[in-house]
C-alpha atoms as a PDB file:
ATOM      1  CA  MET A   1      33.681 -68.006  97.579  1.00  0.00           C
ATOM      2  CA  VAL A   2      36.792 -69.536  99.149  1.00  0.00           C
ATOM      3  CA  LEU A   3      39.236 -67.345 101.097  1.00  0.00           C
ATOM      4  CA  GLN A   4      42.730 -68.685 100.508  1.00  0.00           C
ATOM      5  CA  LYS A   5      44.458 -66.613 103.235  1.00  0.00           C
ATOM      6  CA  PHE A   6      43.109 -64.511 106.056  1.00  0.00           C
ATOM      7  CA  CYS A   7      44.490 -62.770 109.115  1.00  0.00           C
ATOM      8  CA  ASP A   8      45.014 -64.776 112.339  1.00  0.00           C
ATOM      9  CA  CYS A   9      43.018 -62.186 114.292  1.00  0.00           C
ATOM     10  CA  ALA A  10      40.021 -62.305 111.982  1.00  0.00           C
ATOM     11  CA  THR A  11      36.948 -63.582 113.746  1.00  0.00           C
ATOM     12  CA  ARG A  12      35.610 -65.286 110.642  1.00  0.00           C
ATOM     13  CA  PRO A  13      36.841 -66.269 107.154  1.00  0.00           C
ATOM     14  CA  GLY A  14      36.827 -63.118 105.103  1.00  0.00           C
ATOM     15  CA  GLY A  15      37.074 -60.860 108.182  1.00  0.00           C
ATOM     16  CA  PRO A  16      39.051 -57.601 108.079  1.00  0.00           C
ATOM     17  CA  PRO A  17      42.860 -57.865 108.085  1.00  0.00           C
ATOM     18  CA  CYS A  18      45.066 -56.399 110.798  1.00  0.00           C
ATOM     19  CA  GLU A  19      46.083 -52.774 110.423  1.00  0.00           C
ATOM     20  CA  GLY A  20      49.094 -52.581 108.154  1.00  0.00           C
ATOM     21  CA  GLU A  21      48.559 -56.082 106.711  1.00  0.00           C
ATOM     22  CA  ASP A  22      49.471 -56.339 103.044  1.00  0.00           C
ATOM     23  CA  LEU A  23      46.109 -56.600 101.303  1.00  0.00           C
ATOM     24  CA  SER A  24      47.758 -58.249  98.310  1.00  0.00           C
ATOM     25  CA  LEU A  25      48.092 -61.393 100.412  1.00  0.00           C
ATOM     26  CA  PHE A  26      44.344 -61.732 100.647  1.00  0.00           C
ATOM     27  CA  VAL A  27      43.255 -63.600  97.555  1.00  0.00           C
ATOM     28  CA  CYS A  28      39.727 -64.832  97.092  1.00  0.00           C
ATOM     29  CA  SER A  29      38.636 -67.426  94.602  1.00  0.00           C
ATOM     30  CA  CYS A  30      35.275 -66.726  93.041  1.00  0.00           C
ATOM     31  CA  ILE A  31      35.063 -70.254  91.669  1.00  0.00           C
ATOM     32  CA  ALA A  32      32.496 -72.143  93.706  1.00  0.00           C
ATOM     33  CA  GLU A  33      33.416 -75.520  95.145  1.00  0.00           C
ATOM     34  CA  PRO A  34      31.791 -78.480  93.345  1.00  0.00           C
ATOM     35  CA  SER A  35      28.314 -79.272  94.562  1.00  0.00           C
ATOM     36  CA  ALA A  36      27.730 -82.753  95.983  1.00  0.00           C
ATOM     37  CA  LYS A  37      24.518 -83.088  93.995  1.00  0.00           C
ATOM     38  CA  ASP A  38      26.323 -82.262  90.734  1.00  0.00           C
ATOM     39  CA  ASP A  39      29.598 -84.156  91.246  1.00  0.00           C
ATOM     40  CA  PHE A  40      29.889 -86.051  94.512  1.00  0.00           C
ATOM     41  CA  TYR A  41      33.450 -87.265  93.828  1.00  0.00           C
ATOM     42  CA  GLN A  42      34.754 -83.755  93.115  1.00  0.00           C
ATOM     43  CA  SER A  43      32.859 -82.353  96.095  1.00  0.00           C
ATOM     44  CA  VAL A  44      34.448 -84.830  98.498  1.00  0.00           C
ATOM     45  CA  ASN A  45      37.947 -84.781  97.004  1.00  0.00           C
ATOM     46  CA  ASN A  46      38.229 -81.211  95.730  1.00  0.00           C
ATOM     47  CA  ALA A  47      40.640 -80.037  98.450  1.00  0.00           C
ATOM     48  CA  TRP A  48      42.925 -83.028  97.854  1.00  0.00           C
ATOM     49  CA  LEU A  49      42.831 -82.776  94.064  1.00  0.00           C
ATOM     50  CA  SER A  50      43.379 -79.005  94.069  1.00  0.00           C
ATOM     51  CA  ASP A  51      46.362 -79.034  96.431  1.00  0.00           C
ATOM     52  CA  GLU A  52      49.419 -78.651  94.182  1.00  0.00           C
ATOM     53  CA  SER A  53      51.713 -79.680  97.043  1.00  0.00           C
ATOM     54  CA  ILE A  54      50.316 -83.223  96.877  1.00  0.00           C
ATOM     55  CA  THR A  55      52.186 -85.247  94.278  1.00  0.00           C
ATOM     56  CA  ILE A  56      52.566 -88.949  93.573  1.00  0.00           C
ATOM     57  CA  PRO A  57      55.908 -90.133  95.056  1.00  0.00           C
ATOM     58  CA  ASP A  58      58.307 -91.494  92.443  1.00  0.00           C
ATOM     59  CA  GLU A  59      58.267 -94.982  93.970  1.00  0.00           C
ATOM     60  CA  TYR A  60      54.460 -95.284  93.753  1.00  0.00           C
ATOM     61  CA  PRO A  61      52.227 -95.822  90.690  1.00  0.00           C
ATOM     62  CA  ARG A  62      49.305 -94.097  92.453  1.00  0.00           C
ATOM     63  CA  TRP A  63      48.695 -92.139  95.637  1.00  0.00           C
ATOM     64  CA  GLY A  64      45.833 -91.367  97.979  1.00  0.00           C
ATOM     65  CA  SER A  65      44.642 -91.350 101.573  1.00  0.00           C
ATOM     66  CA  PHE A  66      44.049 -95.106 101.679  1.00  0.00           C
ATOM     67  CA  ILE A  67      47.582 -95.847 100.451  1.00  0.00           C
ATOM     68  CA  ILE A  68      48.983 -93.432 103.028  1.00  0.00           C
ATOM     69  CA  LEU A  69      47.024 -95.151 105.812  1.00  0.00           C
ATOM     70  CA  VAL A  70      48.111 -98.621 104.654  1.00  0.00           C
ATOM     71  CA  ASP A  71      51.746 -97.504 104.507  1.00  0.00           C
ATOM     72  CA  GLU A  72      51.596 -96.015 107.993  1.00  0.00           C
ATOM     73  CA  ALA A  73      49.964 -99.160 109.388  1.00  0.00           C
ATOM     74  CA  LEU A  74      52.561-101.379 107.700  1.00  0.00           C
ATOM     75  CA  LYS A  75      55.449 -99.341 109.109  1.00  0.00           C
ATOM     76  CA  LYS A  76      53.955 -99.613 112.594  1.00  0.00           C
ATOM     77  CA  GLN A  77      53.604-103.389 112.202  1.00  0.00           C
ATOM     78  CA  ILE A  78      57.222-103.741 111.090  1.00  0.00           C
ATOM     79  CA  LYS A  79      58.363-101.612 114.041  1.00  0.00           C
ATOM     80  CA  LEU A  80      56.420-103.847 116.451  1.00  0.00           C
ATOM     81  CA  LEU A  81      57.905-106.986 114.880  1.00  0.00           C
ATOM     82  CA  HIS A  82      61.435-105.607 115.199  1.00  0.00           C
ATOM     83  CA  GLU A  83      60.731-104.966 118.885  1.00  0.00           C
ATOM     84  CA  LEU A  84      59.391-108.515 119.298  1.00  0.00           C
ATOM     85  CA  GLU A  85      62.429-109.961 117.538  1.00  0.00           C
ATOM     86  CA  ALA A  86      64.792-108.183 119.927  1.00  0.00           C
ATOM     87  CA  GLY A  87      62.792-108.836 123.095  1.00  0.00           C
ATOM     88  CA  VAL A  88      61.207-111.654 125.054  1.00  0.00           C
ATOM     89  CA  PRO A  89      57.642-112.582 124.013  1.00  0.00           C
ATOM     90  CA  ALA A  90      55.061-111.922 126.716  1.00  0.00           C
ATOM     91  CA  ASN A  91      52.565-114.540 125.541  1.00  0.00           C
ATOM     92  CA  ASP A  92      51.925-117.293 122.987  1.00  0.00           C
ATOM     93  CA  ASP A  93      50.702-114.886 120.308  1.00  0.00           C
ATOM     94  CA  GLU A  94      53.886-112.822 120.506  1.00  0.00           C
ATOM     95  CA  THR A  95      55.946-116.031 120.355  1.00  0.00           C
ATOM     96  CA  LYS A  96      54.183-117.068 117.139  1.00  0.00           C
ATOM     97  CA  LEU A  97      54.728-113.645 115.585  1.00  0.00           C
ATOM     98  CA  GLN A  98      58.396-113.713 116.540  1.00  0.00           C
ATOM     99  CA  LEU A  99      58.911-117.163 114.992  1.00  0.00           C
ATOM    100  CA  VAL A 100      57.102-116.244 111.765  1.00  0.00           C
ATOM    101  CA  TRP A 101      59.072-112.992 111.446  1.00  0.00           C
ATOM    102  CA  ARG A 102      62.433-114.705 111.990  1.00  0.00           C
ATOM    103  CA  ALA A 103      61.575-117.478 109.528  1.00  0.00           C
ATOM    104  CA  SER A 104      60.506-114.920 106.922  1.00  0.00           C
ATOM    105  CA  MET A 105      63.675-112.859 107.359  1.00  0.00           C
ATOM    106  CA  ALA A 106      65.784-116.008 107.031  1.00  0.00           C
ATOM    107  CA  ARG A 107      63.969-116.927 103.825  1.00  0.00           C
ATOM    108  CA  PHE A 108      64.468-113.466 102.306  1.00  0.00           C
ATOM    109  CA  ALA A 109      68.157-113.544 103.253  1.00  0.00           C
ATOM    110  CA  ALA A 110      68.545-116.921 101.537  1.00  0.00           C
ATOM    111  CA  TRP A 111      66.843-115.654  98.391  1.00  0.00           C
ATOM    112  CA  GLU A 112      69.181-112.648  98.308  1.00  0.00           C
ATOM    113  CA  LYS A 113      72.082-115.109  98.220  1.00  0.00           C
ATOM    114  CA  GLY A 114      70.460-117.175  95.483  1.00  0.00           C
ATOM    115  CA  GLU A 115      69.756-119.952  97.948  1.00  0.00           C
ATOM    116  CA  GLY A 116      66.644-121.361  99.576  1.00  0.00           C
ATOM    117  CA  SER A 117      63.947-123.813  98.565  1.00  0.00           C
ATOM    118  CA  CYS A 118      61.088-123.309  96.143  1.00  0.00           C
ATOM    119  CA  ALA A 119      59.458-126.567  97.236  1.00  0.00           C
ATOM    120  CA  GLU A 120      56.174-124.890  98.211  1.00  0.00           C
ATOM    121  CA  LEU A 121      55.902-123.127  94.861  1.00  0.00           C
ATOM    122  CA  GLU A 122      56.762-126.310  92.981  1.00  0.00           C
ATOM    123  CA  ALA A 123      54.101-128.186  94.972  1.00  0.00           C
ATOM    124  CA  GLU A 124      51.520-125.539  94.061  1.00  0.00           C
ATOM    125  CA  LEU A 125      52.414-125.817  90.376  1.00  0.00           C
ATOM    126  CA  LYS A 126      51.895-129.572  90.642  1.00  0.00           C
ATOM    127  CA  GLN A 127      48.545-128.960  92.329  1.00  0.00           C
ATOM    128  CA  LEU A 128      47.532-126.749  89.410  1.00  0.00           C
ATOM    129  CA  GLY A 129      48.591-129.399  86.904  1.00  0.00           C
ATOM    130  CA  ASP A 130      46.684-132.110  88.753  1.00  0.00           C
ATOM    131  CA  CYS A 131      43.512-130.007  89.018  1.00  0.00           C
ATOM    132  CA  VAL A 132      43.369-128.728  85.458  1.00  0.00           C
ATOM    133  CA  PRO A 133      43.790-131.240  82.634  1.00  0.00           C
ATOM    134  CA  MET A 134      44.736-129.393  79.463  1.00  0.00           C
ATOM    135  CA  GLU A 135      42.465-131.544  77.300  1.00  0.00           C
ATOM    136  CA  GLY A 136      39.009-133.078  77.589  1.00  0.00           C
ATOM    137  CA  ASP A 137      35.822-132.190  79.431  1.00  0.00           C
ATOM    138  CA  GLY A 138      37.596-131.877  82.765  1.00  0.00           C
ATOM    139  CA  TYR A 139      39.309-128.576  81.918  1.00  0.00           C
ATOM    140  CA  ALA A 140      36.520-126.140  82.882  1.00  0.00           C
ATOM    141  CA  PRO A 141      35.492-127.906  86.141  1.00  0.00           C
ATOM    142  CA  GLY A 142      39.154-128.361  87.052  1.00  0.00           C
ATOM    143  CA  LEU A 143      39.930-124.701  86.452  1.00  0.00           C
ATOM    144  CA  ALA A 144      36.923-123.652  88.553  1.00  0.00           C
ATOM    145  CA  LYS A 145      38.100-125.937  91.351  1.00  0.00           C
ATOM    146  CA  TYR A 146      41.593-124.467  91.296  1.00  0.00           C
ATOM    147  CA  LEU A 147      40.323-120.878  91.198  1.00  0.00           C
ATOM    148  CA  SER A 148      38.271-121.607  94.315  1.00  0.00           C
ATOM    149  CA  ARG A 149      41.469-122.871  95.951  1.00  0.00           C
ATOM    150  CA  CYS A 150      43.177-119.590  95.032  1.00  0.00           C
ATOM    151  CA  GLN A 151      40.319-117.718  96.676  1.00  0.00           C
ATOM    152  CA  GLU A 152      40.682-119.730  99.889  1.00  0.00           C
ATOM    153  CA  LEU A 153      44.471-119.303 100.086  1.00  0.00           C
ATOM    154  CA  SER A 154      44.652-115.700  98.779  1.00  0.00           C
ATOM    155  CA  ILE A 155      46.627-116.746  95.703  1.00  0.00           C
ATOM    156  CA  SER A 156      46.457-114.145  92.947  1.00  0.00           C
ATOM    157  CA  CYS A 157      44.566-115.492  89.947  1.00  0.00           C
ATOM    158  CA  PRO A 158      43.020-114.166  86.701  1.00  0.00           C
ATOM    159  CA  MET A 159      39.559-113.743  88.237  1.00  0.00           C
ATOM    160  CA  ALA A 160      38.505-111.945  91.401  1.00  0.00           C
ATOM    161  CA  PHE A 161      35.387-113.241  93.128  1.00  0.00           C
ATOM    162  CA  GLY A 162      33.106-111.073  95.182  1.00  0.00           C
ATOM    163  CA  LYS A 163      29.478-110.364  95.954  1.00  0.00           C
ATOM    164  CA  GLU A 164      27.256-107.390  95.342  1.00  0.00           C
ATOM    165  CA  ALA A 165      23.759-106.362  96.277  1.00  0.00           C
ATOM    166  CA  ASN A 166      21.084-107.621  93.903  1.00  0.00           C
ATOM    167  CA  LEU A 167      19.585-104.411  92.515  1.00  0.00           C
ATOM    168  CA  THR A 168      16.332-106.182  91.653  1.00  0.00           C
ATOM    169  CA  ASP A 169      15.969-108.122  94.912  1.00  0.00           C
ATOM    170  CA  THR A 170      17.090-106.524  98.182  1.00  0.00           C
ATOM    171  CA  GLU A 171      16.801-109.857  99.991  1.00  0.00           C
ATOM    172  CA  SER A 172      19.590-111.506  97.989  1.00  0.00           C
ATOM    173  CA  ILE A 173      23.099-110.944  96.662  1.00  0.00           C
ATOM    174  CA  VAL A 174      24.750-111.826  93.367  1.00  0.00           C
ATOM    175  CA  LEU A 175      28.179-113.193  92.500  1.00  0.00           C
ATOM    176  CA  ASP A 176      30.619-110.627  91.171  1.00  0.00           C
ATOM    177  CA  LEU A 177      33.439-111.601  88.804  1.00  0.00           C
ATOM    178  CA  SER A 178      36.098-109.196  87.607  1.00  0.00           C
ATOM    179  CA  PRO A 179      39.472-109.505  85.853  1.00  0.00           C
ATOM    180  CA  ALA A 180      42.415-109.519  88.237  1.00  0.00           C
ATOM    181  CA  GLY A 181      45.846-111.031  88.709  1.00  0.00           C
ATOM    182  CA  THR A 182      47.841-108.522  86.678  1.00  0.00           C
ATOM    183  CA  SER A 183      51.352-107.777  87.910  1.00  0.00           C
ATOM    184  CA  LEU A 184      51.769-104.199  86.670  1.00  0.00           C
ATOM    185  CA  PRO A 185      49.984-101.233  88.333  1.00  0.00           C
ATOM    186  CA  SER A 186      47.282-100.603  85.719  1.00  0.00           C
ATOM    187  CA  ARG A 187      46.033-101.519  82.241  1.00  0.00           C
ATOM    188  CA  ASP A 188      48.004 -98.606  80.749  1.00  0.00           C
ATOM    189  CA  TYR A 189      51.264-100.348  81.626  1.00  0.00           C
ATOM    190  CA  TYR A 190      50.306-103.137  79.214  1.00  0.00           C
ATOM    191  CA  LEU A 191      48.705-101.109  76.427  1.00  0.00           C
ATOM    192  CA  ASP A 192      50.284 -97.641  76.362  1.00  0.00           C
ATOM    193  CA  SER A 193      53.433 -97.193  74.256  1.00  0.00           C
ATOM    194  CA  LYS A 194      54.976 -94.872  76.862  1.00  0.00           C
ATOM    195  CA  PHE A 195      55.374 -97.847  79.226  1.00  0.00           C
ATOM    196  CA  GLU A 196      57.406 -99.929  76.781  1.00  0.00           C
ATOM    197  CA  GLU A 197      60.470 -99.695  79.031  1.00  0.00           C
ATOM    198  CA  GLN A 198      58.510-100.923  82.064  1.00  0.00           C
ATOM    199  CA  ARG A 199      57.212-103.883  80.054  1.00  0.00           C
ATOM    200  CA  GLY A 200      60.811-104.717  79.232  1.00  0.00           C
ATOM    201  CA  HIS A 201      61.668-104.699  82.940  1.00  0.00           C
ATOM    202  CA  PHE A 202      58.693-106.995  83.564  1.00  0.00           C
ATOM    203  CA  ARG A 203      59.902-109.463  80.940  1.00  0.00           C
ATOM    204  CA  ALA A 204      63.366-109.442  82.531  1.00  0.00           C
ATOM    205  CA  HIS A 205      61.753-110.114  85.917  1.00  0.00           C
ATOM    206  CA  LEU A 206      59.881-113.100  84.481  1.00  0.00           C
ATOM    207  CA  GLY A 207      63.193-114.400  83.172  1.00  0.00           C
ATOM    208  CA  LYS A 208      64.528-114.339  86.738  1.00  0.00           C
ATOM    209  CA  VAL A 209      61.419-116.223  87.879  1.00  0.00           C
ATOM    210  CA  VAL A 210      62.309-118.965  85.408  1.00  0.00           C
ATOM    211  CA  GLU A 211      65.829-119.124  86.848  1.00  0.00           C
ATOM    212  CA  LEU A 212      64.479-119.264  90.402  1.00  0.00           C
ATOM    213  CA  VAL A 213      61.740-121.849  89.887  1.00  0.00           C
ATOM    214  CA  GLY A 214      63.514-123.892  87.243  1.00  0.00           C
ATOM    215  CA  ALA A 215      62.745-124.074  83.530  1.00  0.00           C
ATOM    216  CA  ALA A 216      61.740-127.724  83.933  1.00  0.00           C
ATOM    217  CA  ASN A 217      58.757-126.648  86.050  1.00  0.00           C
ATOM    218  CA  LEU A 218      57.474-124.105  83.500  1.00  0.00           C
ATOM    219  CA  GLU A 219      56.495-123.848  79.854  1.00  0.00           C
ATOM    220  CA  ASP A 220      59.273-123.115  77.377  1.00  0.00           C
ATOM    221  CA  ASP A 221      57.842-119.686  76.509  1.00  0.00           C
ATOM    222  CA  PHE A 222      56.773-118.879  80.085  1.00  0.00           C
ATOM    223  CA  ALA A 223      57.542-115.136  79.947  1.00  0.00           C
ATOM    224  CA  SER A 224      55.667-114.595  76.682  1.00  0.00           C
ATOM    225  CA  ARG A 225      52.690-116.613  77.925  1.00  0.00           C
ATOM    226  CA  VAL A 226      52.433-114.571  81.127  1.00  0.00           C
ATOM    227  CA  ILE A 227      52.676-111.256  79.292  1.00  0.00           C
ATOM    228  CA  ARG A 228      50.118-112.349  76.693  1.00  0.00           C
ATOM    229  CA  MET A 229      47.674-113.533  79.369  1.00  0.00           C
ATOM    230  CA  GLU A 230      48.037-110.419  81.521  1.00  0.00           C
ATOM    231  CA  THR A 231      47.692-108.151  78.490  1.00  0.00           C
ATOM    232  CA  LYS A 232      44.374-109.823  77.652  1.00  0.00           C
ATOM    233  CA  LEU A 233      43.233-109.279  81.237  1.00  0.00           C
ATOM    234  CA  ALA A 234      44.275-105.628  81.007  1.00  0.00           C
ATOM    235  CA  GLN A 235      42.287-105.175  77.796  1.00  0.00           C
ATOM    236  CA  ILE A 236      39.007-106.061  79.520  1.00  0.00           C
ATOM    237  CA  GLN A 237      39.675-103.939  82.601  1.00  0.00           C
ATOM    238  CA  MET A 238      38.081-100.518  82.943  1.00  0.00           C
ATOM    239  CA  LYS A 239      40.219 -97.421  82.599  1.00  0.00           C
ATOM    240  CA  ARG A 240      40.934 -95.585  85.849  1.00  0.00           C
ATOM    241  CA  ASP A 241      39.293 -92.428  84.531  1.00  0.00           C
END
């Protein structure tokens, strides 16, 4: 039994209310909390899931304690970088952070004005073309080589590589492969009809990518190719529920 409200002077949950306290305020729920042995997820997250005051903010596709912690950490990092930008670095590490921050801000400002260089992106596209011949026996080895490069440089790609415990041999681990690299928040954004408008926004965004990078550096039907590829990746992903 879970007491939803009890008097401040009560010595224990469910203790007697103060004299004159409105008893109608004391509401007990006779629904037992989920048992960990029956449903561990519900047992751990029941308070969070049952709290009607917790809603997903409009600017987020999902919400939870990890996202909150990441957001708070990111805001603290940005605050520290603003302080470094305005001050005098105390050591070499702070100097490096200050230089990287200023260079990044300058790049973003240039992009806002429609200026700036895409040389690094163009070089990476060339690297992809050189690694992966579109015909012949070299395609599969070349693709594997480039995907390993993506893993090293943290470049988003269609496959995520990881490792898991070998359930049949505790002394070893096994390679884990899973679909990744989709741009939209979840598989539903690609497959559910209610997200048709969002898919339209995504196609418009890809059109701007073509303008930024240059049509000469991309396939003629770049936007359609990306959407088709990501939709196939979404189809083989598990549903969130």
